[in-house]
């Protein structure tokens, strides 16, 4: 068996920054209680490790109000209201919002001030988009797929918006983003001003492209990452399109030997929040089955 491991598998820059920074906060704040607002990244192994090291995960800043504590801001970012609450209540924060996410906040904030209707492509319940939506002003929609476009266009027309900004969650599907752009253009009249800002981060694009490439030449594809990770699920969708035998796992313990040993070529790709050690454990498990890996 040949195993092909994606070169872009594992931590992206934003995740490295958030995880590395959080570990440093643990080292530098031995006498202060440390919290993180929401999951730092979408990976159970990373979260468990940080919890064991002393970081407490909370869902509301009111939980630390009045405490001598420091709160870490996750890579996905938070809402402008949460920043305001922290400032008004003198809550000490350490901000590890991914710079690419912060850039999206600035883009939508600038266009909202100019009266643009903001169309944000991504998962409605994802923390990144909840944060971004808080900067979108009065008229905006979060759209997950093409099927929702008709209702969005109806809303745009009801608000009499002639200027539209289309942006995307930083880990959104490249292909879906293109399809939504095309359909919006087809359904709006020629008087509408449509501005498109490609806010999908470069690391996401390269990872999706490599997943596409590998999945076309293997018999089985293994995607490693949290099941609640948006970018990991996008990789799974891409791989599944090209390779029918695609599985999504969080750790090597989920690999069933009987399901893998029948294949001669296996591809591996991992989400942006998947630690390198988790990827290596999967490779080692395949190697124990007399597999040979190539990178």
C-alpha atoms as a PDB file:
ATOM      1  CA  UNK A   1       0.000   0.000   0.000  1.00  0.00           C
ATOM      2  CA  UNK A   2       1.150   3.507  -0.856  1.00  0.00           C
ATOM      3  CA  UNK A   3       0.058   6.356   1.418  1.00  0.00           C
ATOM      4  CA  UNK A   4       0.021   9.920   0.079  1.00  0.00           C
ATOM      5  CA  UNK A   5      -0.058  12.600   2.789  1.00  0.00           C
ATOM      6  CA  UNK A   6      -1.038  16.117   1.748  1.00  0.00           C
ATOM      7  CA  UNK A   7       1.725  18.680   2.167  1.00  0.00           C
ATOM      8  CA  UNK A   8      -0.779  21.210   3.523  1.00  0.00           C
ATOM      9  CA  UNK A   9      -2.331  18.821   6.067  1.00  0.00           C
ATOM     10  CA  UNK A  10      -2.489  20.198   9.612  1.00  0.00           C
ATOM     11  CA  UNK A  11      -2.286  23.552  11.370  1.00  0.00           C
ATOM     12  CA  UNK A  12      -2.655  26.719   9.309  1.00  0.00           C
ATOM     13  CA  UNK A  13      -1.005  29.995  10.329  1.00  0.00           C
ATOM     14  CA  UNK A  14      -4.011  31.271  12.279  1.00  0.00           C
ATOM     15  CA  UNK A  15      -4.328  28.066  14.298  1.00  0.00           C
ATOM     16  CA  UNK A  16      -0.568  27.916  15.003  1.00  0.00           C
ATOM     17  CA  UNK A  17      -0.737  31.506  16.246  1.00  0.00           C
ATOM     18  CA  UNK A  18      -3.736  30.840  18.498  1.00  0.00           C
ATOM     19  CA  UNK A  19      -2.481  27.553  19.963  1.00  0.00           C
ATOM     20  CA  UNK A  20       1.112  28.727  20.378  1.00  0.00           C
ATOM     21  CA  UNK A  21      -0.049  31.992  21.916  1.00  0.00           C
ATOM     22  CA  UNK A  22      -2.353  30.208  24.352  1.00  0.00           C
ATOM     23  CA  UNK A  23       0.463  27.930  25.519  1.00  0.00           C
ATOM     24  CA  UNK A  24       2.605  31.025  26.129  1.00  0.00           C
ATOM     25  CA  UNK A  25      -0.240  32.595  28.130  1.00  0.00           C
ATOM     26  CA  UNK A  26      -0.300  29.489  30.340  1.00  0.00           C
ATOM     27  CA  UNK A  27       3.442  29.861  30.950  1.00  0.00           C
ATOM     28  CA  UNK A  28       3.251  33.622  31.611  1.00  0.00           C
ATOM     29  CA  UNK A  29       0.157  33.656  33.848  1.00  0.00           C
ATOM     30  CA  UNK A  30       0.811  31.089  36.557  1.00  0.00           C
ATOM     31  CA  UNK A  31      -0.896  33.276  39.187  1.00  0.00           C
ATOM     32  CA  UNK A  32      -3.888  34.323  37.091  1.00  0.00           C
ATOM     33  CA  UNK A  33      -6.871  32.270  36.046  1.00  0.00           C
ATOM     34  CA  UNK A  34      -7.028  31.753  32.272  1.00  0.00           C
ATOM     35  CA  UNK A  35     -10.201  31.482  30.217  1.00  0.00           C
ATOM     36  CA  UNK A  36     -10.993  31.094  26.535  1.00  0.00           C
ATOM     37  CA  UNK A  37     -14.225  32.452  25.082  1.00  0.00           C
ATOM     38  CA  UNK A  38     -15.595  29.552  23.052  1.00  0.00           C
ATOM     39  CA  UNK A  39     -13.441  26.803  21.570  1.00  0.00           C
ATOM     40  CA  UNK A  40     -10.032  28.180  20.598  1.00  0.00           C
ATOM     41  CA  UNK A  41     -10.103  25.989  17.469  1.00  0.00           C
ATOM     42  CA  UNK A  42     -12.426  23.212  16.323  1.00  0.00           C
ATOM     43  CA  UNK A  43     -10.444  20.181  17.435  1.00  0.00           C
ATOM     44  CA  UNK A  44     -11.204  18.035  20.495  1.00  0.00           C
ATOM     45  CA  UNK A  45      -7.599  16.925  21.002  1.00  0.00           C
ATOM     46  CA  UNK A  46      -6.326  20.514  21.086  1.00  0.00           C
ATOM     47  CA  UNK A  47      -9.100  21.633  23.440  1.00  0.00           C
ATOM     48  CA  UNK A  48      -8.520  18.704  25.825  1.00  0.00           C
ATOM     49  CA  UNK A  49      -4.774  19.413  25.918  1.00  0.00           C
ATOM     50  CA  UNK A  50      -5.324  23.098  26.726  1.00  0.00           C
ATOM     51  CA  UNK A  51      -7.876  22.223  29.412  1.00  0.00           C
ATOM     52  CA  UNK A  52      -5.367  19.886  31.030  1.00  0.00           C
ATOM     53  CA  UNK A  53      -2.804  22.691  30.929  1.00  0.00           C
ATOM     54  CA  UNK A  54      -5.137  25.021  32.826  1.00  0.00           C
ATOM     55  CA  UNK A  55      -7.344  26.936  30.359  1.00  0.00           C
ATOM     56  CA  UNK A  56     -11.036  27.105  31.239  1.00  0.00           C
ATOM     57  CA  UNK A  57     -13.481  27.362  28.339  1.00  0.00           C
ATOM     58  CA  UNK A  58     -16.513  29.632  28.733  1.00  0.00           C
ATOM     59  CA  UNK A  59     -19.395  30.745  26.516  1.00  0.00           C
ATOM     60  CA  UNK A  60     -20.156  34.149  28.061  1.00  0.00           C
ATOM     61  CA  UNK A  61     -17.916  36.970  29.320  1.00  0.00           C
ATOM     62  CA  UNK A  62     -20.293  37.508  32.231  1.00  0.00           C
ATOM     63  CA  UNK A  63     -18.819  34.317  33.701  1.00  0.00           C
ATOM     64  CA  UNK A  64     -15.547  36.147  34.415  1.00  0.00           C
ATOM     65  CA  UNK A  65     -16.956  39.558  35.272  1.00  0.00           C
ATOM     66  CA  UNK A  66     -15.203  40.970  38.361  1.00  0.00           C
ATOM     67  CA  UNK A  67     -12.482  38.293  38.409  1.00  0.00           C
ATOM     68  CA  UNK A  68      -8.734  38.801  38.273  1.00  0.00           C
ATOM     69  CA  UNK A  69      -8.431  36.752  35.116  1.00  0.00           C
ATOM     70  CA  UNK A  70      -7.354  36.837  31.492  1.00  0.00           C
ATOM     71  CA  UNK A  71      -9.611  35.809  28.608  1.00  0.00           C
ATOM     72  CA  UNK A  72      -8.213  34.436  25.364  1.00  0.00           C
ATOM     73  CA  UNK A  73     -10.118  35.298  22.194  1.00  0.00           C
ATOM     74  CA  UNK A  74     -10.420  32.300  19.865  1.00  0.00           C
ATOM     75  CA  UNK A  75      -9.075  32.132  16.307  1.00  0.00           C
ATOM     76  CA  UNK A  76     -12.623  32.472  14.919  1.00  0.00           C
ATOM     77  CA  UNK A  77     -13.070  35.890  16.528  1.00  0.00           C
ATOM     78  CA  UNK A  78     -15.963  37.346  18.530  1.00  0.00           C
ATOM     79  CA  UNK A  79     -18.694  39.960  18.039  1.00  0.00           C
ATOM     80  CA  UNK A  80     -18.199  43.702  18.387  1.00  0.00           C
ATOM     81  CA  UNK A  81     -20.660  43.626  21.298  1.00  0.00           C
ATOM     82  CA  UNK A  82     -18.403  41.184  23.163  1.00  0.00           C
ATOM     83  CA  UNK A  83     -15.401  43.465  22.648  1.00  0.00           C
ATOM     84  CA  UNK A  84     -17.470  46.353  24.002  1.00  0.00           C
ATOM     85  CA  UNK A  85     -18.544  44.334  27.051  1.00  0.00           C
ATOM     86  CA  UNK A  86     -14.918  43.386  27.806  1.00  0.00           C
ATOM     87  CA  UNK A  87     -13.802  47.018  27.596  1.00  0.00           C
ATOM     88  CA  UNK A  88     -16.652  48.359  29.708  1.00  0.00           C
ATOM     89  CA  UNK A  89     -16.018  45.753  32.412  1.00  0.00           C
ATOM     90  CA  UNK A  90     -12.194  45.981  32.422  1.00  0.00           C
ATOM     91  CA  UNK A  91     -11.821  42.360  31.357  1.00  0.00           C
ATOM     92  CA  UNK A  92      -8.241  41.582  30.387  1.00  0.00           C
ATOM     93  CA  UNK A  93      -8.235  39.927  26.960  1.00  0.00           C
ATOM     94  CA  UNK A  94      -5.567  38.380  24.752  1.00  0.00           C
ATOM     95  CA  UNK A  95      -6.806  38.438  21.179  1.00  0.00           C
ATOM     96  CA  UNK A  96      -5.842  35.538  18.900  1.00  0.00           C
ATOM     97  CA  UNK A  97      -8.444  36.189  16.231  1.00  0.00           C
ATOM     98  CA  UNK A  98      -6.988  35.002  12.914  1.00  0.00           C
ATOM     99  CA  UNK A  99      -5.755  38.053  10.935  1.00  0.00           C
ATOM    100  CA  UNK A 100      -7.728  36.805   7.919  1.00  0.00           C
ATOM    101  CA  UNK A 101     -10.933  36.897   9.978  1.00  0.00           C
ATOM    102  CA  UNK A 102     -10.143  40.394  11.276  1.00  0.00           C
ATOM    103  CA  UNK A 103      -9.669  41.496   7.663  1.00  0.00           C
ATOM    104  CA  UNK A 104     -13.197  40.309   6.801  1.00  0.00           C
ATOM    105  CA  UNK A 105     -14.546  42.320   9.767  1.00  0.00           C
ATOM    106  CA  UNK A 106     -12.914  45.473   8.400  1.00  0.00           C
ATOM    107  CA  UNK A 107     -14.199  44.875   4.865  1.00  0.00           C
ATOM    108  CA  UNK A 108     -17.847  44.396   5.881  1.00  0.00           C
ATOM    109  CA  UNK A 109     -17.717  47.258   8.392  1.00  0.00           C
ATOM    110  CA  UNK A 110     -16.398  49.655   5.720  1.00  0.00           C
ATOM    111  CA  UNK A 111     -19.028  48.631   3.153  1.00  0.00           C
ATOM    112  CA  UNK A 112     -21.891  48.643   5.675  1.00  0.00           C
ATOM    113  CA  UNK A 113     -21.100  52.303   6.392  1.00  0.00           C
ATOM    114  CA  UNK A 114     -21.431  53.007   2.669  1.00  0.00           C
ATOM    115  CA  UNK A 115     -24.883  51.426   2.527  1.00  0.00           C
ATOM    116  CA  UNK A 116     -24.045  48.081   0.964  1.00  0.00           C
ATOM    117  CA  UNK A 117     -26.213  45.033   1.510  1.00  0.00           C
ATOM    118  CA  UNK A 118     -23.789  42.386   2.822  1.00  0.00           C
ATOM    119  CA  UNK A 119     -24.054  38.815   1.572  1.00  0.00           C
ATOM    120  CA  UNK A 120     -21.883  36.572   3.749  1.00  0.00           C
ATOM    121  CA  UNK A 121     -21.351  33.050   2.385  1.00  0.00           C
ATOM    122  CA  UNK A 122     -20.832  30.464   5.124  1.00  0.00           C
ATOM    123  CA  UNK A 123     -22.449  28.481   7.899  1.00  0.00           C
ATOM    124  CA  UNK A 124     -24.965  30.535   9.878  1.00  0.00           C
ATOM    125  CA  UNK A 125     -24.079  28.998  13.249  1.00  0.00           C
ATOM    126  CA  UNK A 126     -20.305  29.103  12.811  1.00  0.00           C
ATOM    127  CA  UNK A 127     -18.631  31.384  15.399  1.00  0.00           C
ATOM    128  CA  UNK A 128     -16.593  33.144  12.703  1.00  0.00           C
ATOM    129  CA  UNK A 129     -19.746  34.206  10.878  1.00  0.00           C
ATOM    130  CA  UNK A 130     -21.552  35.180  14.065  1.00  0.00           C
ATOM    131  CA  UNK A 131     -18.656  37.534  14.762  1.00  0.00           C
ATOM    132  CA  UNK A 132     -18.532  38.878  11.195  1.00  0.00           C
ATOM    133  CA  UNK A 133     -22.314  39.391  11.081  1.00  0.00           C
ATOM    134  CA  UNK A 134     -22.074  41.823  14.004  1.00  0.00           C
ATOM    135  CA  UNK A 135     -20.151  44.219  11.728  1.00  0.00           C
ATOM    136  CA  UNK A 136     -22.512  43.922   8.744  1.00  0.00           C
ATOM    137  CA  UNK A 137     -24.905  46.698   9.674  1.00  0.00           C
ATOM    138  CA  UNK A 138     -28.686  46.616   9.244  1.00  0.00           C
ATOM    139  CA  UNK A 139     -29.041  44.816   5.917  1.00  0.00           C
ATOM    140  CA  UNK A 140     -27.256  41.493   5.480  1.00  0.00           C
ATOM    141  CA  UNK A 141     -27.775  37.768   4.985  1.00  0.00           C
ATOM    142  CA  UNK A 142     -25.677  34.725   5.824  1.00  0.00           C
ATOM    143  CA  UNK A 143     -26.093  32.139   3.085  1.00  0.00           C
ATOM    144  CA  UNK A 144     -24.890  28.535   3.272  1.00  0.00           C
ATOM    145  CA  UNK A 145     -25.717  27.295  -0.233  1.00  0.00           C
ATOM    146  CA  UNK A 146     -27.269  28.100  -3.617  1.00  0.00           C
ATOM    147  CA  UNK A 147     -30.730  26.918  -2.557  1.00  0.00           C
ATOM    148  CA  UNK A 148     -31.095  29.999  -0.335  1.00  0.00           C
ATOM    149  CA  UNK A 149     -30.350  32.555  -3.049  1.00  0.00           C
ATOM    150  CA  UNK A 150     -33.985  33.187  -4.048  1.00  0.00           C
ATOM    151  CA  UNK A 151     -34.954  34.257  -0.520  1.00  0.00           C
ATOM    152  CA  UNK A 152     -31.832  36.435  -0.266  1.00  0.00           C
ATOM    153  CA  UNK A 153     -32.592  38.192  -3.561  1.00  0.00           C
ATOM    154  CA  UNK A 154     -36.136  38.805  -2.342  1.00  0.00           C
ATOM    155  CA  UNK A 155     -34.756  40.397   0.836  1.00  0.00           C
ATOM    156  CA  UNK A 156     -32.298  42.540  -1.143  1.00  0.00           C
ATOM    157  CA  UNK A 157     -35.131  43.861  -3.326  1.00  0.00           C
ATOM    158  CA  UNK A 158     -37.390  44.514  -0.325  1.00  0.00           C
ATOM    159  CA  UNK A 159     -34.683  46.665   1.253  1.00  0.00           C
ATOM    160  CA  UNK A 160     -34.265  48.570  -2.043  1.00  0.00           C
ATOM    161  CA  UNK A 161     -30.543  47.871  -1.948  1.00  0.00           C
ATOM    162  CA  UNK A 162     -28.711  48.754  -5.162  1.00  0.00           C
ATOM    163  CA  UNK A 163     -25.244  48.045  -3.783  1.00  0.00           C
ATOM    164  CA  UNK A 164     -24.250  44.524  -2.758  1.00  0.00           C
ATOM    165  CA  UNK A 165     -21.061  43.187  -1.204  1.00  0.00           C
ATOM    166  CA  UNK A 166     -20.390  39.435  -1.437  1.00  0.00           C
ATOM    167  CA  UNK A 167     -17.834  37.953   0.964  1.00  0.00           C
ATOM    168  CA  UNK A 168     -17.176  34.483   2.384  1.00  0.00           C
ATOM    169  CA  UNK A 169     -16.234  32.716   5.560  1.00  0.00           C
ATOM    170  CA  UNK A 170     -12.456  32.275   5.419  1.00  0.00           C
ATOM    171  CA  UNK A 171     -12.820  28.480   5.205  1.00  0.00           C
ATOM    172  CA  UNK A 172     -15.745  28.396   2.760  1.00  0.00           C
ATOM    173  CA  UNK A 173     -15.844  26.193  -0.340  1.00  0.00           C
ATOM    174  CA  UNK A 174     -14.214  27.880  -3.354  1.00  0.00           C
ATOM    175  CA  UNK A 175     -16.632  26.226  -5.798  1.00  0.00           C
ATOM    176  CA  UNK A 176     -19.735  27.152  -3.789  1.00  0.00           C
ATOM    177  CA  UNK A 177     -18.541  30.759  -3.518  1.00  0.00           C
ATOM    178  CA  UNK A 178     -18.166  30.994  -7.312  1.00  0.00           C
ATOM    179  CA  UNK A 179     -21.610  29.474  -7.941  1.00  0.00           C
ATOM    180  CA  UNK A 180     -23.303  31.889  -5.541  1.00  0.00           C
ATOM    181  CA  UNK A 181     -21.574  34.863  -7.178  1.00  0.00           C
ATOM    182  CA  UNK A 182     -22.759  33.747 -10.619  1.00  0.00           C
ATOM    183  CA  UNK A 183     -26.344  33.196  -9.522  1.00  0.00           C
ATOM    184  CA  UNK A 184     -26.547  36.575  -7.771  1.00  0.00           C
ATOM    185  CA  UNK A 185     -25.285  38.300 -10.916  1.00  0.00           C
ATOM    186  CA  UNK A 186     -27.824  36.421 -13.052  1.00  0.00           C
ATOM    187  CA  UNK A 187     -30.748  37.412 -10.839  1.00  0.00           C
ATOM    188  CA  UNK A 188     -29.993  41.083 -10.150  1.00  0.00           C
ATOM    189  CA  UNK A 189     -30.790  43.821 -12.657  1.00  0.00           C
ATOM    190  CA  UNK A 190     -28.043  45.694 -14.475  1.00  0.00           C
ATOM    191  CA  UNK A 191     -28.412  48.754 -12.232  1.00  0.00           C
ATOM    192  CA  UNK A 192     -27.162  46.864  -9.189  1.00  0.00           C
ATOM    193  CA  UNK A 193     -23.560  47.448  -8.119  1.00  0.00           C
ATOM    194  CA  UNK A 194     -22.073  44.121  -7.043  1.00  0.00           C
ATOM    195  CA  UNK A 195     -18.717  44.100  -5.270  1.00  0.00           C
ATOM    196  CA  UNK A 196     -17.039  40.733  -4.679  1.00  0.00           C
ATOM    197  CA  UNK A 197     -14.253  40.354  -2.137  1.00  0.00           C
ATOM    198  CA  UNK A 198     -12.645  36.926  -2.139  1.00  0.00           C
ATOM    199  CA  UNK A 199     -12.079  36.472   1.601  1.00  0.00           C
ATOM    200  CA  UNK A 200     -11.381  32.735   1.525  1.00  0.00           C
ATOM    201  CA  UNK A 201      -7.875  32.494   2.971  1.00  0.00           C
ATOM    202  CA  UNK A 202      -4.996  31.326   0.790  1.00  0.00           C
ATOM    203  CA  UNK A 203      -4.226  28.343   3.041  1.00  0.00           C
ATOM    204  CA  UNK A 204      -7.823  27.130   2.649  1.00  0.00           C
ATOM    205  CA  UNK A 205      -7.648  27.444  -1.138  1.00  0.00           C
ATOM    206  CA  UNK A 206      -4.365  25.548  -1.394  1.00  0.00           C
ATOM    207  CA  UNK A 207      -5.617  22.828   0.954  1.00  0.00           C
ATOM    208  CA  UNK A 208      -8.847  22.384  -1.022  1.00  0.00           C
ATOM    209  CA  UNK A 209      -6.937  22.274  -4.313  1.00  0.00           C
ATOM    210  CA  UNK A 210      -4.493  19.670  -2.968  1.00  0.00           C
ATOM    211  CA  UNK A 211      -7.377  17.581  -1.624  1.00  0.00           C
ATOM    212  CA  UNK A 212      -8.966  17.698  -5.077  1.00  0.00           C
ATOM    213  CA  UNK A 213      -5.703  16.592  -6.689  1.00  0.00           C
ATOM    214  CA  UNK A 214      -4.944  13.722  -4.293  1.00  0.00           C
ATOM    215  CA  UNK A 215      -8.514  12.388  -4.177  1.00  0.00           C
ATOM    216  CA  UNK A 216      -8.490  11.931  -7.963  1.00  0.00           C
ATOM    217  CA  UNK A 217      -5.574   9.480  -7.898  1.00  0.00           C
ATOM    218  CA  UNK A 218      -6.228   7.304  -4.821  1.00  0.00           C
ATOM    219  CA  UNK A 219      -8.545   4.378  -4.076  1.00  0.00           C
ATOM    220  CA  UNK A 220      -9.367   5.579  -0.572  1.00  0.00           C
ATOM    221  CA  UNK A 221      -9.184   9.037   1.015  1.00  0.00           C
ATOM    222  CA  UNK A 222      -8.889   9.698   4.749  1.00  0.00           C
ATOM    223  CA  UNK A 223      -9.792  13.183   6.010  1.00  0.00           C
ATOM    224  CA  UNK A 224      -8.610  13.884   9.571  1.00  0.00           C
ATOM    225  CA  UNK A 225     -10.184  16.595  11.708  1.00  0.00           C
ATOM    226  CA  UNK A 226     -12.952  17.631  14.053  1.00  0.00           C
ATOM    227  CA  UNK A 227     -16.459  16.804  12.891  1.00  0.00           C
ATOM    228  CA  UNK A 228     -17.496  20.302  13.995  1.00  0.00           C
ATOM    229  CA  UNK A 229     -14.732  21.856  11.864  1.00  0.00           C
ATOM    230  CA  UNK A 230     -16.070  23.733   8.847  1.00  0.00           C
ATOM    231  CA  UNK A 231     -12.872  23.522   6.826  1.00  0.00           C
ATOM    232  CA  UNK A 232     -12.496  19.780   7.557  1.00  0.00           C
ATOM    233  CA  UNK A 233     -16.023  19.100   6.329  1.00  0.00           C
ATOM    234  CA  UNK A 234     -15.304  21.050   3.135  1.00  0.00           C
ATOM    235  CA  UNK A 235     -12.292  18.792   2.512  1.00  0.00           C
ATOM    236  CA  UNK A 236     -14.495  15.743   3.035  1.00  0.00           C
ATOM    237  CA  UNK A 237     -17.056  17.048   0.522  1.00  0.00           C
ATOM    238  CA  UNK A 238     -14.347  17.693  -2.083  1.00  0.00           C
ATOM    239  CA  UNK A 239     -12.685  14.301  -1.612  1.00  0.00           C
ATOM    240  CA  UNK A 240     -16.008  12.444  -1.646  1.00  0.00           C
ATOM    241  CA  UNK A 241     -16.825  13.964  -5.037  1.00  0.00           C
ATOM    242  CA  UNK A 242     -13.719  12.384  -6.581  1.00  0.00           C
ATOM    243  CA  UNK A 243     -13.190   9.324  -4.413  1.00  0.00           C
ATOM    244  CA  UNK A 244     -16.210   7.272  -3.396  1.00  0.00           C
ATOM    245  CA  UNK A 245     -14.243   5.585  -0.600  1.00  0.00           C
ATOM    246  CA  UNK A 246     -13.687   8.696   1.530  1.00  0.00           C
ATOM    247  CA  UNK A 247     -13.891   8.626   5.325  1.00  0.00           C
ATOM    248  CA  UNK A 248     -13.772  11.387   7.944  1.00  0.00           C
ATOM    249  CA  UNK A 249     -12.040  10.565  11.228  1.00  0.00           C
ATOM    250  CA  UNK A 250     -10.872  12.499  14.270  1.00  0.00           C
ATOM    251  CA  UNK A 251      -8.163  10.065  15.417  1.00  0.00           C
ATOM    252  CA  UNK A 252      -6.416   6.877  14.279  1.00  0.00           C
ATOM    253  CA  UNK A 253      -8.641   4.843  16.641  1.00  0.00           C
ATOM    254  CA  UNK A 254     -11.492   5.197  14.142  1.00  0.00           C
ATOM    255  CA  UNK A 255      -9.603   3.401  11.372  1.00  0.00           C
ATOM    256  CA  UNK A 256     -10.916  -0.103  10.812  1.00  0.00           C
ATOM    257  CA  UNK A 257      -8.215  -2.374   9.377  1.00  0.00           C
ATOM    258  CA  UNK A 258     -10.722  -4.459   7.420  1.00  0.00           C
ATOM    259  CA  UNK A 259     -11.952  -1.343   5.627  1.00  0.00           C
ATOM    260  CA  UNK A 260      -8.495  -0.069   4.658  1.00  0.00           C
ATOM    261  CA  UNK A 261      -6.259  -3.015   3.859  1.00  0.00           C
ATOM    262  CA  UNK A 262      -8.063  -3.732   0.566  1.00  0.00           C
ATOM    263  CA  UNK A 263      -6.714  -0.539  -1.039  1.00  0.00           C
ATOM    264  CA  UNK A 264      -3.374  -0.121  -2.822  1.00  0.00           C
ATOM    265  CA  UNK A 265      -3.237   3.706  -2.712  1.00  0.00           C
ATOM    266  CA  UNK A 266      -4.592   5.746   0.216  1.00  0.00           C
ATOM    267  CA  UNK A 267      -4.619   9.543   0.459  1.00  0.00           C
ATOM    268  CA  UNK A 268      -4.540  11.561   3.678  1.00  0.00           C
ATOM    269  CA  UNK A 269      -5.557  15.179   4.209  1.00  0.00           C
ATOM    270  CA  UNK A 270      -6.216  16.989   7.471  1.00  0.00           C
ATOM    271  CA  UNK A 271      -8.104  20.106   8.502  1.00  0.00           C
ATOM    272  CA  UNK A 272      -6.487  23.365   9.574  1.00  0.00           C
ATOM    273  CA  UNK A 273      -6.987  22.592  13.284  1.00  0.00           C
ATOM    274  CA  UNK A 274      -5.609  19.050  13.233  1.00  0.00           C
ATOM    275  CA  UNK A 275      -2.325  18.616  15.191  1.00  0.00           C
ATOM    276  CA  UNK A 276       0.608  17.076  13.358  1.00  0.00           C
ATOM    277  CA  UNK A 277       0.883  14.328  15.995  1.00  0.00           C
ATOM    278  CA  UNK A 278      -2.666  13.166  15.204  1.00  0.00           C
ATOM    279  CA  UNK A 279      -1.780  12.945  11.498  1.00  0.00           C
ATOM    280  CA  UNK A 280       1.416  11.045  12.324  1.00  0.00           C
ATOM    281  CA  UNK A 281      -0.535   8.546  14.451  1.00  0.00           C
ATOM    282  CA  UNK A 282      -2.792   7.777  11.482  1.00  0.00           C
ATOM    283  CA  UNK A 283       0.238   7.267   9.225  1.00  0.00           C
ATOM    284  CA  UNK A 284       1.899   4.997  11.821  1.00  0.00           C
ATOM    285  CA  UNK A 285      -1.235   2.881  12.103  1.00  0.00           C
ATOM    286  CA  UNK A 286      -1.272   2.381   8.337  1.00  0.00           C
ATOM    287  CA  UNK A 287       2.462   1.583   8.340  1.00  0.00           C
ATOM    288  CA  UNK A 288       1.886  -1.169  10.912  1.00  0.00           C
ATOM    289  CA  UNK A 289      -0.328  -2.802   8.313  1.00  0.00           C
ATOM    290  CA  UNK A 290       2.745  -3.097   6.075  1.00  0.00           C
ATOM    291  CA  UNK A 291       2.042   0.211   4.403  1.00  0.00           C
ATOM    292  CA  UNK A 292       4.646   2.447   2.839  1.00  0.00           C
ATOM    293  CA  UNK A 293       4.125   6.214   3.092  1.00  0.00           C
ATOM    294  CA  UNK A 294       5.193   8.911   0.675  1.00  0.00           C
ATOM    295  CA  UNK A 295       5.095  12.657   1.390  1.00  0.00           C
END
